[in-house]
Amino acid sequence: TGKKLMVVESVDHVIEKVMAYRRA
């Protein structure tokens, strides 16, 4: 959408969360 979010999680942790979501 063009929006950017600054988050505290590391890149690897965000990837892990996305992968867990897709597995679910």
PDBML (XML) file of the C-alpha atoms, coordinates in Angstrom:
<?xml version="1.0" encoding="UTF-8" ?>
<PDBx:datablock datablockName="MODEL"
   xmlns:PDBx="http://pdbml.pdb.org/schema/pdbx-v50.xsd"
   xmlns:xsi="http://www.w3.org/2001/XMLSchema-instance"
   xsi:schemaLocation="http://pdbml.pdb.org/schema/pdbx-v50.xsd pdbx-v50.xsd">
   <PDBx:atom_siteCategory>
      <PDBx:atom_site id="1">
         <PDBx:B_iso_or_equiv>0.00</PDBx:B_iso_or_equiv>
         <PDBx:Cartn_x>0.000</PDBx:Cartn_x>
         <PDBx:Cartn_y>0.000</PDBx:Cartn_y>
         <PDBx:Cartn_z>0.000</PDBx:Cartn_z>
         <PDBx:auth_asym_id>A</PDBx:auth_asym_id>
         <PDBx:auth_atom_id>CA</PDBx:auth_atom_id>
         <PDBx:auth_comp_id>THR</PDBx:auth_comp_id>
         <PDBx:auth_seq_id>1</PDBx:auth_seq_id>
         <PDBx:group_PDB>ATOM</PDBx:group_PDB>
         <PDBx:label_alt_id xsi:nil="true" />
         <PDBx:label_asym_id>A</PDBx:label_asym_id>
         <PDBx:label_atom_id>CA</PDBx:label_atom_id>
         <PDBx:label_comp_id>THR</PDBx:label_comp_id>
         <PDBx:label_entity_id>1</PDBx:label_entity_id>
         <PDBx:label_seq_id>1</PDBx:label_seq_id>
         <PDBx:occupancy>1.00</PDBx:occupancy>
         <PDBx:pdbx_PDB_model_num>1</PDBx:pdbx_PDB_model_num>
         <PDBx:type_symbol>C</PDBx:type_symbol>
      </PDBx:atom_site>
      <PDBx:atom_site id="2">
         <PDBx:B_iso_or_equiv>0.00</PDBx:B_iso_or_equiv>
         <PDBx:Cartn_x>3.085</PDBx:Cartn_x>
         <PDBx:Cartn_y>2.240</PDBx:Cartn_y>
         <PDBx:Cartn_z>0.253</PDBx:Cartn_z>
         <PDBx:auth_asym_id>A</PDBx:auth_asym_id>
         <PDBx:auth_atom_id>CA</PDBx:auth_atom_id>
         <PDBx:auth_comp_id>GLY</PDBx:auth_comp_id>
         <PDBx:auth_seq_id>2</PDBx:auth_seq_id>
         <PDBx:group_PDB>ATOM</PDBx:group_PDB>
         <PDBx:label_alt_id xsi:nil="true" />
         <PDBx:label_asym_id>A</PDBx:label_asym_id>
         <PDBx:label_atom_id>CA</PDBx:label_atom_id>
         <PDBx:label_comp_id>GLY</PDBx:label_comp_id>
         <PDBx:label_entity_id>1</PDBx:label_entity_id>
         <PDBx:label_seq_id>2</PDBx:label_seq_id>
         <PDBx:occupancy>1.00</PDBx:occupancy>
         <PDBx:pdbx_PDB_model_num>1</PDBx:pdbx_PDB_model_num>
         <PDBx:type_symbol>C</PDBx:type_symbol>
      </PDBx:atom_site>
      <PDBx:atom_site id="3">
         <PDBx:B_iso_or_equiv>0.00</PDBx:B_iso_or_equiv>
         <PDBx:Cartn_x>2.921</PDBx:Cartn_x>
         <PDBx:Cartn_y>2.414</PDBx:Cartn_y>
         <PDBx:Cartn_z>4.050</PDBx:Cartn_z>
         <PDBx:auth_asym_id>A</PDBx:auth_asym_id>
         <PDBx:auth_atom_id>CA</PDBx:auth_atom_id>
         <PDBx:auth_comp_id>LYS</PDBx:auth_comp_id>
         <PDBx:auth_seq_id>3</PDBx:auth_seq_id>
         <PDBx:group_PDB>ATOM</PDBx:group_PDB>
         <PDBx:label_alt_id xsi:nil="true" />
         <PDBx:label_asym_id>A</PDBx:label_asym_id>
         <PDBx:label_atom_id>CA</PDBx:label_atom_id>
         <PDBx:label_comp_id>LYS</PDBx:label_comp_id>
         <PDBx:label_entity_id>1</PDBx:label_entity_id>
         <PDBx:label_seq_id>3</PDBx:label_seq_id>
         <PDBx:occupancy>1.00</PDBx:occupancy>
         <PDBx:pdbx_PDB_model_num>1</PDBx:pdbx_PDB_model_num>
         <PDBx:type_symbol>C</PDBx:type_symbol>
      </PDBx:atom_site>
      <PDBx:atom_site id="4">
         <PDBx:B_iso_or_equiv>0.00</PDBx:B_iso_or_equiv>
         <PDBx:Cartn_x>6.108</PDBx:Cartn_x>
         <PDBx:Cartn_y>1.727</PDBx:Cartn_y>
         <PDBx:Cartn_z>6.052</PDBx:Cartn_z>
         <PDBx:auth_asym_id>A</PDBx:auth_asym_id>
         <PDBx:auth_atom_id>CA</PDBx:auth_atom_id>
         <PDBx:auth_comp_id>LYS</PDBx:auth_comp_id>
         <PDBx:auth_seq_id>4</PDBx:auth_seq_id>
         <PDBx:group_PDB>ATOM</PDBx:group_PDB>
         <PDBx:label_alt_id xsi:nil="true" />
         <PDBx:label_asym_id>A</PDBx:label_asym_id>
         <PDBx:label_atom_id>CA</PDBx:label_atom_id>
         <PDBx:label_comp_id>LYS</PDBx:label_comp_id>
         <PDBx:label_entity_id>1</PDBx:label_entity_id>
         <PDBx:label_seq_id>4</PDBx:label_seq_id>
         <PDBx:occupancy>1.00</PDBx:occupancy>
         <PDBx:pdbx_PDB_model_num>1</PDBx:pdbx_PDB_model_num>
         <PDBx:type_symbol>C</PDBx:type_symbol>
      </PDBx:atom_site>
      <PDBx:atom_site id="5">
         <PDBx:B_iso_or_equiv>0.00</PDBx:B_iso_or_equiv>
         <PDBx:Cartn_x>6.244</PDBx:Cartn_x>
         <PDBx:Cartn_y>0.481</PDBx:Cartn_y>
         <PDBx:Cartn_z>9.633</PDBx:Cartn_z>
         <PDBx:auth_asym_id>A</PDBx:auth_asym_id>
         <PDBx:auth_atom_id>CA</PDBx:auth_atom_id>
         <PDBx:auth_comp_id>LEU</PDBx:auth_comp_id>
         <PDBx:auth_seq_id>5</PDBx:auth_seq_id>
         <PDBx:group_PDB>ATOM</PDBx:group_PDB>
         <PDBx:label_alt_id xsi:nil="true" />
         <PDBx:label_asym_id>A</PDBx:label_asym_id>
         <PDBx:label_atom_id>CA</PDBx:label_atom_id>
         <PDBx:label_comp_id>LEU</PDBx:label_comp_id>
         <PDBx:label_entity_id>1</PDBx:label_entity_id>
         <PDBx:label_seq_id>5</PDBx:label_seq_id>
         <PDBx:occupancy>1.00</PDBx:occupancy>
         <PDBx:pdbx_PDB_model_num>1</PDBx:pdbx_PDB_model_num>
         <PDBx:type_symbol>C</PDBx:type_symbol>
      </PDBx:atom_site>
      <PDBx:atom_site id="6">
         <PDBx:B_iso_or_equiv>0.00</PDBx:B_iso_or_equiv>
         <PDBx:Cartn_x>9.251</PDBx:Cartn_x>
         <PDBx:Cartn_y>0.651</PDBx:Cartn_y>
         <PDBx:Cartn_z>11.958</PDBx:Cartn_z>
         <PDBx:auth_asym_id>A</PDBx:auth_asym_id>
         <PDBx:auth_atom_id>CA</PDBx:auth_atom_id>
         <PDBx:auth_comp_id>MET</PDBx:auth_comp_id>
         <PDBx:auth_seq_id>6</PDBx:auth_seq_id>
         <PDBx:group_PDB>ATOM</PDBx:group_PDB>
         <PDBx:label_alt_id xsi:nil="true" />
         <PDBx:label_asym_id>A</PDBx:label_asym_id>
         <PDBx:label_atom_id>CA</PDBx:label_atom_id>
         <PDBx:label_comp_id>MET</PDBx:label_comp_id>
         <PDBx:label_entity_id>1</PDBx:label_entity_id>
         <PDBx:label_seq_id>6</PDBx:label_seq_id>
         <PDBx:occupancy>1.00</PDBx:occupancy>
         <PDBx:pdbx_PDB_model_num>1</PDBx:pdbx_PDB_model_num>
         <PDBx:type_symbol>C</PDBx:type_symbol>
      </PDBx:atom_site>
      <PDBx:atom_site id="7">
         <PDBx:B_iso_or_equiv>0.00</PDBx:B_iso_or_equiv>
         <PDBx:Cartn_x>9.140</PDBx:Cartn_x>
         <PDBx:Cartn_y>-2.321</PDBx:Cartn_y>
         <PDBx:Cartn_z>14.330</PDBx:Cartn_z>
         <PDBx:auth_asym_id>A</PDBx:auth_asym_id>
         <PDBx:auth_atom_id>CA</PDBx:auth_atom_id>
         <PDBx:auth_comp_id>VAL</PDBx:auth_comp_id>
         <PDBx:auth_seq_id>7</PDBx:auth_seq_id>
         <PDBx:group_PDB>ATOM</PDBx:group_PDB>
         <PDBx:label_alt_id xsi:nil="true" />
         <PDBx:label_asym_id>A</PDBx:label_asym_id>
         <PDBx:label_atom_id>CA</PDBx:label_atom_id>
         <PDBx:label_comp_id>VAL</PDBx:label_comp_id>
         <PDBx:label_entity_id>1</PDBx:label_entity_id>
         <PDBx:label_seq_id>7</PDBx:label_seq_id>
         <PDBx:occupancy>1.00</PDBx:occupancy>
         <PDBx:pdbx_PDB_model_num>1</PDBx:pdbx_PDB_model_num>
         <PDBx:type_symbol>C</PDBx:type_symbol>
      </PDBx:atom_site>
      <PDBx:atom_site id="8">
         <PDBx:B_iso_or_equiv>0.00</PDBx:B_iso_or_equiv>
         <PDBx:Cartn_x>11.291</PDBx:Cartn_x>
         <PDBx:Cartn_y>-3.706</PDBx:Cartn_y>
         <PDBx:Cartn_z>17.135</PDBx:Cartn_z>
         <PDBx:auth_asym_id>A</PDBx:auth_asym_id>
         <PDBx:auth_atom_id>CA</PDBx:auth_atom_id>
         <PDBx:auth_comp_id>VAL</PDBx:auth_comp_id>
         <PDBx:auth_seq_id>8</PDBx:auth_seq_id>
         <PDBx:group_PDB>ATOM</PDBx:group_PDB>
         <PDBx:label_alt_id xsi:nil="true" />
         <PDBx:label_asym_id>A</PDBx:label_asym_id>
         <PDBx:label_atom_id>CA</PDBx:label_atom_id>
         <PDBx:label_comp_id>VAL</PDBx:label_comp_id>
         <PDBx:label_entity_id>1</PDBx:label_entity_id>
         <PDBx:label_seq_id>8</PDBx:label_seq_id>
         <PDBx:occupancy>1.00</PDBx:occupancy>
         <PDBx:pdbx_PDB_model_num>1</PDBx:pdbx_PDB_model_num>
         <PDBx:type_symbol>C</PDBx:type_symbol>
      </PDBx:atom_site>
      <PDBx:atom_site id="9">
         <PDBx:B_iso_or_equiv>0.00</PDBx:B_iso_or_equiv>
         <PDBx:Cartn_x>11.371</PDBx:Cartn_x>
         <PDBx:Cartn_y>-7.279</PDBx:Cartn_y>
         <PDBx:Cartn_z>15.791</PDBx:Cartn_z>
         <PDBx:auth_asym_id>A</PDBx:auth_asym_id>
         <PDBx:auth_atom_id>CA</PDBx:auth_atom_id>
         <PDBx:auth_comp_id>GLU</PDBx:auth_comp_id>
         <PDBx:auth_seq_id>9</PDBx:auth_seq_id>
         <PDBx:group_PDB>ATOM</PDBx:group_PDB>
         <PDBx:label_alt_id xsi:nil="true" />
         <PDBx:label_asym_id>A</PDBx:label_asym_id>
         <PDBx:label_atom_id>CA</PDBx:label_atom_id>
         <PDBx:label_comp_id>GLU</PDBx:label_comp_id>
         <PDBx:label_entity_id>1</PDBx:label_entity_id>
         <PDBx:label_seq_id>9</PDBx:label_seq_id>
         <PDBx:occupancy>1.00</PDBx:occupancy>
         <PDBx:pdbx_PDB_model_num>1</PDBx:pdbx_PDB_model_num>
         <PDBx:type_symbol>C</PDBx:type_symbol>
      </PDBx:atom_site>
      <PDBx:atom_site id="10">
         <PDBx:B_iso_or_equiv>0.00</PDBx:B_iso_or_equiv>
         <PDBx:Cartn_x>14.399</PDBx:Cartn_x>
         <PDBx:Cartn_y>-8.330</PDBx:Cartn_y>
         <PDBx:Cartn_z>13.744</PDBx:Cartn_z>
         <PDBx:auth_asym_id>A</PDBx:auth_asym_id>
         <PDBx:auth_atom_id>CA</PDBx:auth_atom_id>
         <PDBx:auth_comp_id>SER</PDBx:auth_comp_id>
         <PDBx:auth_seq_id>10</PDBx:auth_seq_id>
         <PDBx:group_PDB>ATOM</PDBx:group_PDB>
         <PDBx:label_alt_id xsi:nil="true" />
         <PDBx:label_asym_id>A</PDBx:label_asym_id>
         <PDBx:label_atom_id>CA</PDBx:label_atom_id>
         <PDBx:label_comp_id>SER</PDBx:label_comp_id>
         <PDBx:label_entity_id>1</PDBx:label_entity_id>
         <PDBx:label_seq_id>10</PDBx:label_seq_id>
         <PDBx:occupancy>1.00</PDBx:occupancy>
         <PDBx:pdbx_PDB_model_num>1</PDBx:pdbx_PDB_model_num>
         <PDBx:type_symbol>C</PDBx:type_symbol>
      </PDBx:atom_site>
      <PDBx:atom_site id="11">
         <PDBx:B_iso_or_equiv>0.00</PDBx:B_iso_or_equiv>
         <PDBx:Cartn_x>14.047</PDBx:Cartn_x>
         <PDBx:Cartn_y>-9.108</PDBx:Cartn_y>
         <PDBx:Cartn_z>10.049</PDBx:Cartn_z>
         <PDBx:auth_asym_id>A</PDBx:auth_asym_id>
         <PDBx:auth_atom_id>CA</PDBx:auth_atom_id>
         <PDBx:auth_comp_id>VAL</PDBx:auth_comp_id>
         <PDBx:auth_seq_id>11</PDBx:auth_seq_id>
         <PDBx:group_PDB>ATOM</PDBx:group_PDB>
         <PDBx:label_alt_id xsi:nil="true" />
         <PDBx:label_asym_id>A</PDBx:label_asym_id>
         <PDBx:label_atom_id>CA</PDBx:label_atom_id>
         <PDBx:label_comp_id>VAL</PDBx:label_comp_id>
         <PDBx:label_entity_id>1</PDBx:label_entity_id>
         <PDBx:label_seq_id>11</PDBx:label_seq_id>
         <PDBx:occupancy>1.00</PDBx:occupancy>
         <PDBx:pdbx_PDB_model_num>1</PDBx:pdbx_PDB_model_num>
         <PDBx:type_symbol>C</PDBx:type_symbol>
      </PDBx:atom_site>
      <PDBx:atom_site id="12">
         <PDBx:B_iso_or_equiv>0.00</PDBx:B_iso_or_equiv>
         <PDBx:Cartn_x>14.449</PDBx:Cartn_x>
         <PDBx:Cartn_y>-12.817</PDBx:Cartn_y>
         <PDBx:Cartn_z>10.828</PDBx:Cartn_z>
         <PDBx:auth_asym_id>A</PDBx:auth_asym_id>
         <PDBx:auth_atom_id>CA</PDBx:auth_atom_id>
         <PDBx:auth_comp_id>ASP</PDBx:auth_comp_id>
         <PDBx:auth_seq_id>12</PDBx:auth_seq_id>
         <PDBx:group_PDB>ATOM</PDBx:group_PDB>
         <PDBx:label_alt_id xsi:nil="true" />
         <PDBx:label_asym_id>A</PDBx:label_asym_id>
         <PDBx:label_atom_id>CA</PDBx:label_atom_id>
         <PDBx:label_comp_id>ASP</PDBx:label_comp_id>
         <PDBx:label_entity_id>1</PDBx:label_entity_id>
         <PDBx:label_seq_id>12</PDBx:label_seq_id>
         <PDBx:occupancy>1.00</PDBx:occupancy>
         <PDBx:pdbx_PDB_model_num>1</PDBx:pdbx_PDB_model_num>
         <PDBx:type_symbol>C</PDBx:type_symbol>
      </PDBx:atom_site>
      <PDBx:atom_site id="13">
         <PDBx:B_iso_or_equiv>0.00</PDBx:B_iso_or_equiv>
         <PDBx:Cartn_x>11.748</PDBx:Cartn_x>
         <PDBx:Cartn_y>-12.692</PDBx:Cartn_y>
         <PDBx:Cartn_z>13.509</PDBx:Cartn_z>
         <PDBx:auth_asym_id>A</PDBx:auth_asym_id>
         <PDBx:auth_atom_id>CA</PDBx:auth_atom_id>
         <PDBx:auth_comp_id>HIS</PDBx:auth_comp_id>
         <PDBx:auth_seq_id>13</PDBx:auth_seq_id>
         <PDBx:group_PDB>ATOM</PDBx:group_PDB>
         <PDBx:label_alt_id xsi:nil="true" />
         <PDBx:label_asym_id>A</PDBx:label_asym_id>
         <PDBx:label_atom_id>CA</PDBx:label_atom_id>
         <PDBx:label_comp_id>HIS</PDBx:label_comp_id>
         <PDBx:label_entity_id>1</PDBx:label_entity_id>
         <PDBx:label_seq_id>13</PDBx:label_seq_id>
         <PDBx:occupancy>1.00</PDBx:occupancy>
         <PDBx:pdbx_PDB_model_num>1</PDBx:pdbx_PDB_model_num>
         <PDBx:type_symbol>C</PDBx:type_symbol>
      </PDBx:atom_site>
      <PDBx:atom_site id="14">
         <PDBx:B_iso_or_equiv>0.00</PDBx:B_iso_or_equiv>
         <PDBx:Cartn_x>9.276</PDBx:Cartn_x>
         <PDBx:Cartn_y>-10.987</PDBx:Cartn_y>
         <PDBx:Cartn_z>11.146</PDBx:Cartn_z>
         <PDBx:auth_asym_id>A</PDBx:auth_asym_id>
         <PDBx:auth_atom_id>CA</PDBx:auth_atom_id>
         <PDBx:auth_comp_id>VAL</PDBx:auth_comp_id>
         <PDBx:auth_seq_id>14</PDBx:auth_seq_id>
         <PDBx:group_PDB>ATOM</PDBx:group_PDB>
         <PDBx:label_alt_id xsi:nil="true" />
         <PDBx:label_asym_id>A</PDBx:label_asym_id>
         <PDBx:label_atom_id>CA</PDBx:label_atom_id>
         <PDBx:label_comp_id>VAL</PDBx:label_comp_id>
         <PDBx:label_entity_id>1</PDBx:label_entity_id>
         <PDBx:label_seq_id>14</PDBx:label_seq_id>
         <PDBx:occupancy>1.00</PDBx:occupancy>
         <PDBx:pdbx_PDB_model_num>1</PDBx:pdbx_PDB_model_num>
         <PDBx:type_symbol>C</PDBx:type_symbol>
      </PDBx:atom_site>
      <PDBx:atom_site id="15">
         <PDBx:B_iso_or_equiv>0.00</PDBx:B_iso_or_equiv>
         <PDBx:Cartn_x>10.020</PDBx:Cartn_x>
         <PDBx:Cartn_y>-13.664</PDBx:Cartn_y>
         <PDBx:Cartn_z>8.525</PDBx:Cartn_z>
         <PDBx:auth_asym_id>A</PDBx:auth_asym_id>
         <PDBx:auth_atom_id>CA</PDBx:auth_atom_id>
         <PDBx:auth_comp_id>ILE</PDBx:auth_comp_id>
         <PDBx:auth_seq_id>15</PDBx:auth_seq_id>
         <PDBx:group_PDB>ATOM</PDBx:group_PDB>
         <PDBx:label_alt_id xsi:nil="true" />
         <PDBx:label_asym_id>A</PDBx:label_asym_id>
         <PDBx:label_atom_id>CA</PDBx:label_atom_id>
         <PDBx:label_comp_id>ILE</PDBx:label_comp_id>
         <PDBx:label_entity_id>1</PDBx:label_entity_id>
         <PDBx:label_seq_id>15</PDBx:label_seq_id>
         <PDBx:occupancy>1.00</PDBx:occupancy>
         <PDBx:pdbx_PDB_model_num>1</PDBx:pdbx_PDB_model_num>
         <PDBx:type_symbol>C</PDBx:type_symbol>
      </PDBx:atom_site>
      <PDBx:atom_site id="16">
         <PDBx:B_iso_or_equiv>0.00</PDBx:B_iso_or_equiv>
         <PDBx:Cartn_x>9.430</PDBx:Cartn_x>
         <PDBx:Cartn_y>-16.403</PDBx:Cartn_y>
         <PDBx:Cartn_z>11.126</PDBx:Cartn_z>
         <PDBx:auth_asym_id>A</PDBx:auth_asym_id>
         <PDBx:auth_atom_id>CA</PDBx:auth_atom_id>
         <PDBx:auth_comp_id>GLU</PDBx:auth_comp_id>
         <PDBx:auth_seq_id>16</PDBx:auth_seq_id>
         <PDBx:group_PDB>ATOM</PDBx:group_PDB>
         <PDBx:label_alt_id xsi:nil="true" />
         <PDBx:label_asym_id>A</PDBx:label_asym_id>
         <PDBx:label_atom_id>CA</PDBx:label_atom_id>
         <PDBx:label_comp_id>GLU</PDBx:label_comp_id>
         <PDBx:label_entity_id>1</PDBx:label_entity_id>
         <PDBx:label_seq_id>16</PDBx:label_seq_id>
         <PDBx:occupancy>1.00</PDBx:occupancy>
         <PDBx:pdbx_PDB_model_num>1</PDBx:pdbx_PDB_model_num>
         <PDBx:type_symbol>C</PDBx:type_symbol>
      </PDBx:atom_site>
      <PDBx:atom_site id="17">
         <PDBx:B_iso_or_equiv>0.00</PDBx:B_iso_or_equiv>
         <PDBx:Cartn_x>6.069</PDBx:Cartn_x>
         <PDBx:Cartn_y>-14.868</PDBx:Cartn_y>
         <PDBx:Cartn_z>12.037</PDBx:Cartn_z>
         <PDBx:auth_asym_id>A</PDBx:auth_asym_id>
         <PDBx:auth_atom_id>CA</PDBx:auth_atom_id>
         <PDBx:auth_comp_id>LYS</PDBx:auth_comp_id>
         <PDBx:auth_seq_id>17</PDBx:auth_seq_id>
         <PDBx:group_PDB>ATOM</PDBx:group_PDB>
         <PDBx:label_alt_id xsi:nil="true" />
         <PDBx:label_asym_id>A</PDBx:label_asym_id>
         <PDBx:label_atom_id>CA</PDBx:label_atom_id>
         <PDBx:label_comp_id>LYS</PDBx:label_comp_id>
         <PDBx:label_entity_id>1</PDBx:label_entity_id>
         <PDBx:label_seq_id>17</PDBx:label_seq_id>
         <PDBx:occupancy>1.00</PDBx:occupancy>
         <PDBx:pdbx_PDB_model_num>1</PDBx:pdbx_PDB_model_num>
         <PDBx:type_symbol>C</PDBx:type_symbol>
      </PDBx:atom_site>
      <PDBx:atom_site id="18">
         <PDBx:B_iso_or_equiv>0.00</PDBx:B_iso_or_equiv>
         <PDBx:Cartn_x>5.012</PDBx:Cartn_x>
         <PDBx:Cartn_y>-14.648</PDBx:Cartn_y>
         <PDBx:Cartn_z>8.382</PDBx:Cartn_z>
         <PDBx:auth_asym_id>A</PDBx:auth_asym_id>
         <PDBx:auth_atom_id>CA</PDBx:auth_atom_id>
         <PDBx:auth_comp_id>VAL</PDBx:auth_comp_id>
         <PDBx:auth_seq_id>18</PDBx:auth_seq_id>
         <PDBx:group_PDB>ATOM</PDBx:group_PDB>
         <PDBx:label_alt_id xsi:nil="true" />
         <PDBx:label_asym_id>A</PDBx:label_asym_id>
         <PDBx:label_atom_id>CA</PDBx:label_atom_id>
         <PDBx:label_comp_id>VAL</PDBx:label_comp_id>
         <PDBx:label_entity_id>1</PDBx:label_entity_id>
         <PDBx:label_seq_id>18</PDBx:label_seq_id>
         <PDBx:occupancy>1.00</PDBx:occupancy>
         <PDBx:pdbx_PDB_model_num>1</PDBx:pdbx_PDB_model_num>
         <PDBx:type_symbol>C</PDBx:type_symbol>
      </PDBx:atom_site>
      <PDBx:atom_site id="19">
         <PDBx:B_iso_or_equiv>0.00</PDBx:B_iso_or_equiv>
         <PDBx:Cartn_x>6.077</PDBx:Cartn_x>
         <PDBx:Cartn_y>-18.255</PDBx:Cartn_y>
         <PDBx:Cartn_z>7.768</PDBx:Cartn_z>
         <PDBx:auth_asym_id>A</PDBx:auth_asym_id>
         <PDBx:auth_atom_id>CA</PDBx:auth_atom_id>
         <PDBx:auth_comp_id>MET</PDBx:auth_comp_id>
         <PDBx:auth_seq_id>19</PDBx:auth_seq_id>
         <PDBx:group_PDB>ATOM</PDBx:group_PDB>
         <PDBx:label_alt_id xsi:nil="true" />
         <PDBx:label_asym_id>A</PDBx:label_asym_id>
         <PDBx:label_atom_id>CA</PDBx:label_atom_id>
         <PDBx:label_comp_id>MET</PDBx:label_comp_id>
         <PDBx:label_entity_id>1</PDBx:label_entity_id>
         <PDBx:label_seq_id>19</PDBx:label_seq_id>
         <PDBx:occupancy>1.00</PDBx:occupancy>
         <PDBx:pdbx_PDB_model_num>1</PDBx:pdbx_PDB_model_num>
         <PDBx:type_symbol>C</PDBx:type_symbol>
      </PDBx:atom_site>
      <PDBx:atom_site id="20">
         <PDBx:B_iso_or_equiv>0.00</PDBx:B_iso_or_equiv>
         <PDBx:Cartn_x>4.104</PDBx:Cartn_x>
         <PDBx:Cartn_y>-19.430</PDBx:Cartn_y>
         <PDBx:Cartn_z>10.840</PDBx:Cartn_z>
         <PDBx:auth_asym_id>A</PDBx:auth_asym_id>
         <PDBx:auth_atom_id>CA</PDBx:auth_atom_id>
         <PDBx:auth_comp_id>ALA</PDBx:auth_comp_id>
         <PDBx:auth_seq_id>20</PDBx:auth_seq_id>
         <PDBx:group_PDB>ATOM</PDBx:group_PDB>
         <PDBx:label_alt_id xsi:nil="true" />
         <PDBx:label_asym_id>A</PDBx:label_asym_id>
         <PDBx:label_atom_id>CA</PDBx:label_atom_id>
         <PDBx:label_comp_id>ALA</PDBx:label_comp_id>
         <PDBx:label_entity_id>1</PDBx:label_entity_id>
         <PDBx:label_seq_id>20</PDBx:label_seq_id>
         <PDBx:occupancy>1.00</PDBx:occupancy>
         <PDBx:pdbx_PDB_model_num>1</PDBx:pdbx_PDB_model_num>
         <PDBx:type_symbol>C</PDBx:type_symbol>
      </PDBx:atom_site>
      <PDBx:atom_site id="21">
         <PDBx:B_iso_or_equiv>0.00</PDBx:B_iso_or_equiv>
         <PDBx:Cartn_x>1.072</PDBx:Cartn_x>
         <PDBx:Cartn_y>-17.523</PDBx:Cartn_y>
         <PDBx:Cartn_z>9.555</PDBx:Cartn_z>
         <PDBx:auth_asym_id>A</PDBx:auth_asym_id>
         <PDBx:auth_atom_id>CA</PDBx:auth_atom_id>
         <PDBx:auth_comp_id>TYR</PDBx:auth_comp_id>
         <PDBx:auth_seq_id>21</PDBx:auth_seq_id>
         <PDBx:group_PDB>ATOM</PDBx:group_PDB>
         <PDBx:label_alt_id xsi:nil="true" />
         <PDBx:label_asym_id>A</PDBx:label_asym_id>
         <PDBx:label_atom_id>CA</PDBx:label_atom_id>
         <PDBx:label_comp_id>TYR</PDBx:label_comp_id>
         <PDBx:label_entity_id>1</PDBx:label_entity_id>
         <PDBx:label_seq_id>21</PDBx:label_seq_id>
         <PDBx:occupancy>1.00</PDBx:occupancy>
         <PDBx:pdbx_PDB_model_num>1</PDBx:pdbx_PDB_model_num>
         <PDBx:type_symbol>C</PDBx:type_symbol>
      </PDBx:atom_site>
      <PDBx:atom_site id="22">
         <PDBx:B_iso_or_equiv>0.00</PDBx:B_iso_or_equiv>
         <PDBx:Cartn_x>1.323</PDBx:Cartn_x>
         <PDBx:Cartn_y>-19.160</PDBx:Cartn_y>
         <PDBx:Cartn_z>6.131</PDBx:Cartn_z>
         <PDBx:auth_asym_id>A</PDBx:auth_asym_id>
         <PDBx:auth_atom_id>CA</PDBx:auth_atom_id>
         <PDBx:auth_comp_id>ARG</PDBx:auth_comp_id>
         <PDBx:auth_seq_id>22</PDBx:auth_seq_id>
         <PDBx:group_PDB>ATOM</PDBx:group_PDB>
         <PDBx:label_alt_id xsi:nil="true" />
         <PDBx:label_asym_id>A</PDBx:label_asym_id>
         <PDBx:label_atom_id>CA</PDBx:label_atom_id>
         <PDBx:label_comp_id>ARG</PDBx:label_comp_id>
         <PDBx:label_entity_id>1</PDBx:label_entity_id>
         <PDBx:label_seq_id>22</PDBx:label_seq_id>
         <PDBx:occupancy>1.00</PDBx:occupancy>
         <PDBx:pdbx_PDB_model_num>1</PDBx:pdbx_PDB_model_num>
         <PDBx:type_symbol>C</PDBx:type_symbol>
      </PDBx:atom_site>
      <PDBx:atom_site id="23">
         <PDBx:B_iso_or_equiv>0.00</PDBx:B_iso_or_equiv>
         <PDBx:Cartn_x>1.782</PDBx:Cartn_x>
         <PDBx:Cartn_y>-22.619</PDBx:Cartn_y>
         <PDBx:Cartn_z>7.691</PDBx:Cartn_z>
         <PDBx:auth_asym_id>A</PDBx:auth_asym_id>
         <PDBx:auth_atom_id>CA</PDBx:auth_atom_id>
         <PDBx:auth_comp_id>ARG</PDBx:auth_comp_id>
         <PDBx:auth_seq_id>23</PDBx:auth_seq_id>
         <PDBx:group_PDB>ATOM</PDBx:group_PDB>
         <PDBx:label_alt_id xsi:nil="true" />
         <PDBx:label_asym_id>A</PDBx:label_asym_id>
         <PDBx:label_atom_id>CA</PDBx:label_atom_id>
         <PDBx:label_comp_id>ARG</PDBx:label_comp_id>
         <PDBx:label_entity_id>1</PDBx:label_entity_id>
         <PDBx:label_seq_id>23</PDBx:label_seq_id>
         <PDBx:occupancy>1.00</PDBx:occupancy>
         <PDBx:pdbx_PDB_model_num>1</PDBx:pdbx_PDB_model_num>
         <PDBx:type_symbol>C</PDBx:type_symbol>
      </PDBx:atom_site>
      <PDBx:atom_site id="24">
         <PDBx:B_iso_or_equiv>0.00</PDBx:B_iso_or_equiv>
         <PDBx:Cartn_x>-1.356</PDBx:Cartn_x>
         <PDBx:Cartn_y>-22.012</PDBx:Cartn_y>
         <PDBx:Cartn_z>9.746</PDBx:Cartn_z>
         <PDBx:auth_asym_id>A</PDBx:auth_asym_id>
         <PDBx:auth_atom_id>CA</PDBx:auth_atom_id>
         <PDBx:auth_comp_id>ALA</PDBx:auth_comp_id>
         <PDBx:auth_seq_id>24</PDBx:auth_seq_id>
         <PDBx:group_PDB>ATOM</PDBx:group_PDB>
         <PDBx:label_alt_id xsi:nil="true" />
         <PDBx:label_asym_id>A</PDBx:label_asym_id>
         <PDBx:label_atom_id>CA</PDBx:label_atom_id>
         <PDBx:label_comp_id>ALA</PDBx:label_comp_id>
         <PDBx:label_entity_id>1</PDBx:label_entity_id>
         <PDBx:label_seq_id>24</PDBx:label_seq_id>
         <PDBx:occupancy>1.00</PDBx:occupancy>
         <PDBx:pdbx_PDB_model_num>1</PDBx:pdbx_PDB_model_num>
         <PDBx:type_symbol>C</PDBx:type_symbol>
      </PDBx:atom_site>
   </PDBx:atom_siteCategory>
</PDBx:datablock>
